[in-house]
Protein backbone atom coordinates (compact mmCIF):
# COMPACT_ATOMS: atom_id res chain seq x y z
CA MET A 1 12.16 -5.02 12.08
CA GLU A 2 11.27 -5.44 8.43
CA LYS A 3 8.18 -7.43 7.47
CA LYS A 4 6.28 -8.34 4.30
CA GLU A 5 2.52 -7.84 4.54
CA THR A 6 -0.43 -7.61 2.17
CA TYR A 7 -2.97 -4.84 2.72
CA LYS A 8 -6.43 -4.64 1.17
CA ILE A 9 -7.02 -1.29 -0.53
CA GLU A 10 -10.38 0.12 -1.61
CA GLY A 11 -10.98 2.56 -4.46
CA MET A 12 -8.35 1.62 -7.04
CA LYS A 13 -10.02 1.31 -10.46
CA CYS A 14 -7.12 1.33 -12.97
CA GLY A 15 -3.39 1.02 -13.48
CA GLY A 16 -2.98 4.71 -12.77
CA CYS A 17 -4.59 4.24 -9.37
CA SER A 18 -2.34 1.37 -8.40
CA GLY A 19 0.66 3.28 -9.79
CA SER A 20 -0.14 6.25 -7.57
CA VAL A 21 -0.36 4.06 -4.47
CA GLN A 22 2.81 2.15 -5.37
CA SER A 23 4.73 5.37 -5.98
CA ALA A 24 3.55 6.86 -2.68
CA LEU A 25 4.64 3.73 -0.82
CA ILE A 26 8.02 3.27 -2.51
CA ASN A 27 8.90 6.93 -1.98
CA SER A 28 8.20 6.66 1.77
CA GLU A 29 11.02 6.12 4.23
CA GLY A 30 10.68 2.69 5.81
CA VAL A 31 9.25 1.01 2.70
CA ARG A 32 11.74 -1.19 0.83
CA ASP A 33 9.37 -2.60 -1.82
CA ALA A 34 5.72 -2.46 -2.83
CA MET A 35 3.69 -4.33 -5.45
CA VAL A 36 0.19 -2.89 -5.90
CA SER A 37 -2.65 -4.48 -7.89
CA HIS A 38 -5.86 -2.61 -8.68
CA GLU A 39 -7.35 -5.88 -10.04
CA GLU A 40 -6.91 -7.63 -6.70
CA GLY A 41 -7.28 -4.50 -4.57
CA THR A 42 -4.08 -5.27 -2.69
CA ALA A 43 -0.64 -3.92 -1.89
CA GLU A 44 2.13 -6.32 -0.93
CA ILE A 45 4.59 -4.21 1.04
CA THR A 46 8.02 -4.94 2.50
CA HIS A 47 8.49 -2.36 5.24
CA SER A 48 9.54 -1.49 8.77
CA LEU A 49 6.59 0.81 9.55
CA THR A 50 3.49 0.53 11.71
CA ASP A 51 0.05 -0.25 10.28
CA ASN A 52 -0.94 3.35 11.02
CA ASP A 53 2.00 4.61 8.94
CA ILE A 54 0.93 2.46 5.97
CA ILE A 55 -2.69 3.59 6.33
CA ARG A 56 -1.59 7.24 6.38
CA ILE A 57 0.51 6.84 3.22
CA VAL A 58 -2.32 5.11 1.34
CA GLU A 59 -4.93 7.63 2.51
CA ASN A 60 -2.69 10.55 1.52
CA ALA A 61 -2.62 8.99 -1.96
CA GLY A 62 -6.46 9.11 -1.96
CA TYR A 63 -7.37 5.49 -1.17
CA HIS A 64 -8.50 3.49 1.84
CA VAL A 65 -6.94 0.49 3.61
CA THR A 66 -9.70 -1.93 4.61
CA GLY A 67 -7.54 -4.54 6.31
CA LYS A 68 -4.77 -7.07 5.85
CA SER A 69 -4.78 -10.33 3.95
CA ARG A 70 -3.80 -13.29 6.06
């Protein structure tokens, strides 16, 4: 089941950082779309993955998920 969620991400300081996270997400199976903002420290993701899958993708890109925005 596909869902759209916003995750809080720590450690992004510039456009290159958010670009790296966005690229990692979009190139992952199960992610349909991702909009990442280093200014807001968030990633809005349309996906059919588990939270643990999203955390793994972001951590493999070198950043840390600190929670979800409600």
